[in-house]
Amino acid sequence: MSSKPVSLGWVFRPDRANGGPDRAVEHAGTPVRAVGRTADDGGRVEVVLADGVRIQAYRHEVVPG
């Protein structure tokens, strides 16, 4: 068993099944800085990426990484 510290972060992985030009696929794999608490009428929350970009995404599109 290793006693090395582990760093867990979150990354944005857009759901390609819900495609469209606004799905921000160019940001796939980008680390996530913050996720909003309140979802909009479509079930999306505001996600702030590490580079400062703000996108609307489903919670399941923010995954450990």
N, C-alpha and C. Protein backbone atom coordinates (compact mmCIF):
# COMPACT_ATOMS: atom_id res chain seq x y z
N MET A 1 0.84 -1.17 0.00
CA MET A 1 0.00 0.00 0.00
C MET A 1 0.88 1.24 0.00
N SER A 2 0.55 2.20 -0.82
CA SER A 2 1.33 3.43 -0.95
C SER A 2 0.83 4.49 0.02
N SER A 3 1.75 5.26 0.56
CA SER A 3 1.36 6.35 1.45
C SER A 3 1.56 7.71 0.78
N LYS A 4 1.66 7.71 -0.56
CA LYS A 4 1.80 8.96 -1.30
C LYS A 4 0.48 9.71 -1.32
N PRO A 5 0.54 11.04 -1.19
CA PRO A 5 -0.70 11.82 -1.25
C PRO A 5 -1.34 11.73 -2.64
N VAL A 6 -2.65 11.76 -2.64
CA VAL A 6 -3.41 11.71 -3.89
C VAL A 6 -4.14 13.03 -4.05
N SER A 7 -4.09 13.56 -5.26
CA SER A 7 -4.80 14.79 -5.56
C SER A 7 -5.97 14.47 -6.48
N LEU A 8 -7.16 14.77 -6.01
CA LEU A 8 -8.36 14.51 -6.81
C LEU A 8 -8.89 15.83 -7.33
N GLY A 9 -9.10 15.90 -8.60
CA GLY A 9 -9.66 17.08 -9.22
C GLY A 9 -10.83 16.68 -10.09
N TRP A 10 -11.43 17.66 -10.72
CA TRP A 10 -12.57 17.44 -11.59
C TRP A 10 -12.28 18.03 -12.96
N VAL A 11 -12.77 17.37 -14.00
CA VAL A 11 -12.59 17.86 -15.36
C VAL A 11 -13.94 17.87 -16.07
N PHE A 12 -14.02 18.69 -17.11
CA PHE A 12 -15.22 18.79 -17.92
C PHE A 12 -15.16 17.78 -19.05
N ARG A 13 -16.16 16.92 -19.13
CA ARG A 13 -16.31 15.95 -20.22
C ARG A 13 -17.69 16.12 -20.82
N PRO A 14 -17.80 16.89 -21.90
CA PRO A 14 -19.13 17.14 -22.48
C PRO A 14 -19.79 15.87 -22.98
N ASP A 15 -21.09 15.81 -22.84
CA ASP A 15 -21.91 14.69 -23.28
C ASP A 15 -22.18 14.85 -24.77
N ARG A 16 -21.54 14.05 -25.56
CA ARG A 16 -21.69 14.19 -27.02
C ARG A 16 -23.06 13.73 -27.50
N ALA A 17 -23.78 12.97 -26.68
CA ALA A 17 -25.13 12.56 -27.05
C ALA A 17 -26.07 13.75 -27.10
N ASN A 18 -25.75 14.78 -26.34
CA ASN A 18 -26.54 16.01 -26.35
C ASN A 18 -25.78 17.07 -27.13
N GLY A 19 -25.42 16.73 -28.35
CA GLY A 19 -24.57 17.57 -29.17
C GLY A 19 -25.19 18.89 -29.57
N GLY A 20 -24.43 19.62 -30.32
CA GLY A 20 -24.86 20.93 -30.79
C GLY A 20 -23.68 21.87 -30.73
N PRO A 21 -23.78 22.99 -31.39
CA PRO A 21 -22.64 23.90 -31.45
C PRO A 21 -22.29 24.54 -30.12
N ASP A 22 -23.22 24.53 -29.16
CA ASP A 22 -22.95 25.16 -27.87
C ASP A 22 -22.42 24.19 -26.82
N ARG A 23 -22.04 23.00 -27.18
CA ARG A 23 -21.64 21.99 -26.21
C ARG A 23 -20.19 22.14 -25.74
N ALA A 24 -19.45 23.10 -26.26
CA ALA A 24 -18.12 23.43 -25.76
C ALA A 24 -17.16 22.25 -25.78
N VAL A 25 -17.22 21.45 -26.84
CA VAL A 25 -16.33 20.29 -26.91
C VAL A 25 -14.85 20.68 -26.93
N GLU A 26 -14.56 21.92 -27.34
CA GLU A 26 -13.16 22.35 -27.34
C GLU A 26 -12.60 22.48 -25.93
N HIS A 27 -13.46 22.43 -24.91
CA HIS A 27 -13.01 22.52 -23.52
C HIS A 27 -12.97 21.16 -22.84
N ALA A 28 -13.19 20.09 -23.59
CA ALA A 28 -13.17 18.74 -23.01
C ALA A 28 -11.82 18.47 -22.35
N GLY A 29 -11.86 17.96 -21.14
CA GLY A 29 -10.65 17.62 -20.41
C GLY A 29 -10.08 18.77 -19.59
N THR A 30 -10.68 19.95 -19.68
CA THR A 30 -10.20 21.11 -18.92
C THR A 30 -10.55 20.95 -17.45
N PRO A 31 -9.61 21.22 -16.54
CA PRO A 31 -9.93 21.15 -15.12
C PRO A 31 -11.03 22.15 -14.75
N VAL A 32 -11.84 21.77 -13.76
CA VAL A 32 -12.96 22.58 -13.30
C VAL A 32 -12.58 23.30 -12.02
N ARG A 33 -12.89 24.59 -11.97
CA ARG A 33 -12.63 25.40 -10.77
C ARG A 33 -13.85 25.42 -9.85
N ALA A 34 -15.05 25.56 -10.43
CA ALA A 34 -16.26 25.66 -9.60
C ALA A 34 -17.48 25.18 -10.39
N VAL A 35 -18.47 24.71 -9.65
CA VAL A 35 -19.74 24.27 -10.24
C VAL A 35 -20.86 24.96 -9.48
N GLY A 36 -21.79 25.56 -10.22
CA GLY A 36 -22.93 26.23 -9.60
C GLY A 36 -23.85 25.25 -8.89
N ARG A 37 -24.60 25.75 -7.94
CA ARG A 37 -25.50 24.90 -7.15
C ARG A 37 -26.87 24.73 -7.80
N THR A 38 -27.34 25.76 -8.50
CA THR A 38 -28.70 25.77 -9.01
C THR A 38 -28.73 25.46 -10.50
N ALA A 39 -29.58 24.50 -10.87
CA ALA A 39 -29.72 24.14 -12.28
C ALA A 39 -30.76 25.04 -12.94
N ASP A 40 -30.59 25.27 -14.25
CA ASP A 40 -31.57 26.03 -15.01
C ASP A 40 -32.73 25.12 -15.40
N ASP A 41 -33.66 25.63 -16.18
CA ASP A 41 -34.84 24.85 -16.58
C ASP A 41 -34.47 23.61 -17.39
N GLY A 42 -33.32 23.63 -18.06
CA GLY A 42 -32.88 22.49 -18.85
C GLY A 42 -32.03 21.50 -18.07
N GLY A 43 -31.82 21.77 -16.78
CA GLY A 43 -31.03 20.85 -15.96
C GLY A 43 -29.54 21.11 -15.96
N ARG A 44 -29.12 22.24 -16.54
CA ARG A 44 -27.68 22.56 -16.60
C ARG A 44 -27.30 23.52 -15.48
N VAL A 45 -26.05 23.43 -15.05
CA VAL A 45 -25.50 24.33 -14.05
C VAL A 45 -24.35 25.10 -14.67
N GLU A 46 -24.00 26.24 -14.07
CA GLU A 46 -22.85 26.98 -14.55
C GLU A 46 -21.58 26.31 -14.04
N VAL A 47 -20.64 26.10 -14.95
CA VAL A 47 -19.35 25.50 -14.61
C VAL A 47 -18.27 26.51 -14.96
N VAL A 48 -17.37 26.78 -14.01
CA VAL A 48 -16.24 27.67 -14.26
C VAL A 48 -15.01 26.79 -14.42
N LEU A 49 -14.39 26.88 -15.58
CA LEU A 49 -13.20 26.08 -15.86
C LEU A 49 -11.96 26.77 -15.32
N ALA A 50 -10.87 26.03 -15.20
CA ALA A 50 -9.62 26.55 -14.64
C ALA A 50 -9.09 27.75 -15.42
N ASP A 51 -9.41 27.84 -16.71
CA ASP A 51 -8.94 28.96 -17.52
C ASP A 51 -9.88 30.17 -17.45
N GLY A 52 -10.93 30.08 -16.60
CA GLY A 52 -11.87 31.19 -16.42
C GLY A 52 -13.09 31.15 -17.30
N VAL A 53 -13.14 30.24 -18.26
CA VAL A 53 -14.29 30.13 -19.15
C VAL A 53 -15.48 29.62 -18.36
N ARG A 54 -16.64 30.22 -18.60
CA ARG A 54 -17.89 29.82 -17.95
C ARG A 54 -18.77 29.16 -19.00
N ILE A 55 -19.27 27.97 -18.67
CA ILE A 55 -20.13 27.23 -19.60
C ILE A 55 -21.33 26.69 -18.84
N GLN A 56 -22.37 26.32 -19.56
CA GLN A 56 -23.52 25.64 -18.99
C GLN A 56 -23.34 24.15 -19.28
N ALA A 57 -23.43 23.32 -18.27
CA ALA A 57 -23.20 21.89 -18.44
C ALA A 57 -24.09 21.10 -17.49
N TYR A 58 -24.29 19.83 -17.81
CA TYR A 58 -24.99 18.94 -16.90
C TYR A 58 -24.01 18.48 -15.83
N ARG A 59 -24.52 18.21 -14.65
CA ARG A 59 -23.64 17.80 -13.54
C ARG A 59 -22.86 16.53 -13.88
N HIS A 60 -23.45 15.62 -14.63
CA HIS A 60 -22.74 14.38 -14.96
C HIS A 60 -21.58 14.61 -15.95
N GLU A 61 -21.47 15.82 -16.48
CA GLU A 61 -20.37 16.14 -17.39
C GLU A 61 -19.12 16.63 -16.64
N VAL A 62 -19.22 16.76 -15.34
CA VAL A 62 -18.08 17.10 -14.49
C VAL A 62 -17.68 15.82 -13.78
N VAL A 63 -16.52 15.29 -14.14
CA VAL A 63 -16.11 13.98 -13.66
C VAL A 63 -14.74 14.03 -12.97
N PRO A 64 -14.45 13.07 -12.09
CA PRO A 64 -13.11 13.04 -11.48
C PRO A 64 -12.05 12.90 -12.56
N GLY A 65 -10.96 13.58 -12.35
CA GLY A 65 -9.89 13.48 -13.34
C GLY A 65 -8.61 14.07 -12.90
